[in-house]
Amino acid sequence: MADIPMGPYRFLTVVSKENPMGAELVLEPTSYPPSKVYQKALYEAGIPIAAFPTKDIHREVAALKARGVKFRGEPQNAGPIMTVLFEDTCGNLVNLVQAT
């Protein structure tokens, strides 16, 4: 959505095509050394950087897999939610969640 020059960097944000007035994500650079260490530690520990809700986790997983998204397993029942992690291709894990 936004692409604003900021010296040697750019301020970038993304939104959903289906809801461009909805959530807007900021894409942060990892050039600051502590941010790289933090990102790697979260990834290696299996901790997601973000979670996104869905009303149909199996449909979303199938659609994302068709686009080449790499999942860490299949959706699992975790009590009040179904959950599955996927990789964002930038070194982060993202949690997809459906209320049960």
Protein backbone atom coordinates (compact mmCIF):
# COMPACT_ATOMS: atom_id res chain seq x y z
CA MET A 1 0.00 0.00 0.00
CA ALA A 2 2.72 2.46 0.98
CA ASP A 3 6.18 2.74 -0.52
CA ILE A 4 7.93 5.83 0.86
CA PRO A 5 11.68 6.48 0.43
CA MET A 6 13.43 6.86 3.80
CA GLY A 7 17.07 7.55 3.03
CA PRO A 8 18.80 4.22 2.31
CA TYR A 9 15.56 2.35 3.18
CA ARG A 10 11.91 2.41 2.17
CA PHE A 11 8.81 2.48 4.39
CA LEU A 12 6.73 -0.39 3.00
CA THR A 13 3.28 -1.59 3.99
CA VAL A 14 0.97 -4.24 2.59
CA VAL A 15 -2.81 -4.75 2.74
CA SER A 16 -5.22 -7.41 1.58
CA LYS A 17 -6.67 -7.06 -1.93
CA GLU A 18 -10.01 -8.18 -0.50
CA ASN A 19 -10.01 -5.53 2.25
CA PRO A 20 -7.59 -2.67 1.45
CA MET A 21 -9.01 -0.58 4.29
CA GLY A 22 -8.39 -3.40 6.81
CA ALA A 23 -5.17 -4.29 8.58
CA GLU A 24 -2.00 -2.73 7.19
CA LEU A 25 1.29 -4.47 7.90
CA VAL A 26 4.60 -2.62 8.11
CA LEU A 27 7.57 -4.47 6.66
CA GLU A 28 10.50 -3.72 8.95
CA PRO A 29 14.12 -4.06 7.80
CA THR A 30 16.45 -6.34 9.72
CA SER A 31 19.64 -4.40 9.10
CA TYR A 32 19.90 -3.45 12.79
CA PRO A 33 22.03 -6.31 14.27
CA PRO A 34 19.86 -6.98 17.38
CA SER A 35 16.79 -7.34 15.16
CA LYS A 36 18.47 -10.14 13.20
CA VAL A 37 19.35 -11.99 16.41
CA TYR A 38 15.78 -11.56 17.73
CA GLN A 39 14.18 -12.70 14.46
CA LYS A 40 16.41 -15.79 14.24
CA ALA A 41 15.77 -16.73 17.88
CA LEU A 42 11.99 -16.53 17.41
CA TYR A 43 12.16 -18.58 14.20
CA GLU A 44 14.36 -21.28 15.72
CA ALA A 45 12.11 -21.49 18.79
CA GLY A 46 9.03 -21.90 16.58
CA ILE A 47 7.44 -18.68 17.82
CA PRO A 48 5.30 -16.83 15.28
CA ILE A 49 5.78 -13.13 14.65
CA ALA A 50 2.07 -12.65 13.91
CA ALA A 51 -1.24 -14.50 13.90
CA PHE A 52 -4.08 -14.18 11.42
CA PRO A 53 -7.62 -15.41 12.05
CA THR A 54 -9.61 -17.31 9.45
CA LYS A 55 -13.11 -18.74 9.33
CA ASP A 56 -11.99 -21.81 7.32
CA ILE A 57 -8.43 -22.89 8.11
CA HIS A 58 -8.47 -25.89 5.76
CA ARG A 59 -9.58 -23.76 2.79
CA GLU A 60 -6.93 -21.10 3.58
CA VAL A 61 -4.19 -23.71 3.95
CA ALA A 62 -5.11 -25.29 0.60
CA ALA A 63 -5.16 -21.87 -1.13
CA LEU A 64 -1.82 -20.83 0.37
CA LYS A 65 -0.18 -24.18 -0.44
CA ALA A 66 -1.34 -23.77 -4.05
CA ARG A 67 0.64 -20.51 -4.07
CA GLY A 68 3.77 -22.24 -2.75
CA VAL A 69 3.53 -21.34 0.95
CA LYS A 70 5.52 -23.71 3.18
CA PHE A 71 3.64 -24.94 6.25
CA ARG A 72 5.04 -26.57 9.36
CA GLY A 73 2.59 -29.45 9.44
CA GLU A 74 -1.17 -29.51 9.15
CA PRO A 75 -3.81 -27.65 11.17
CA GLN A 76 -3.98 -28.99 14.73
CA ASN A 77 -6.72 -28.77 17.32
CA ALA A 78 -5.45 -26.71 20.27
CA GLY A 79 -8.56 -26.56 22.45
CA PRO A 80 -10.54 -23.47 21.53
CA ILE A 81 -8.64 -23.01 18.25
CA MET A 82 -7.28 -24.83 15.21
CA THR A 83 -3.76 -23.63 14.42
CA VAL A 84 -0.93 -24.09 11.93
CA LEU A 85 2.36 -22.26 11.34
CA PHE A 86 3.70 -21.18 7.98
CA GLU A 87 6.89 -19.48 6.82
CA ASP A 88 6.75 -16.00 5.29
CA THR A 89 9.93 -16.37 3.13
CA CYS A 90 11.63 -13.58 5.12
CA GLY A 91 12.70 -15.69 8.10
CA ASN A 92 9.51 -15.40 10.14
CA LEU A 93 6.80 -17.80 11.21
CA VAL A 94 3.14 -16.82 11.01
CA ASN A 95 0.27 -18.50 12.85
CA LEU A 96 -3.03 -19.14 11.05
CA VAL A 97 -5.85 -19.58 13.59
CA GLN A 98 -9.49 -20.62 13.47
CA ALA A 99 -11.81 -20.54 16.49
CA THR A 100 -13.44 -23.92 17.07
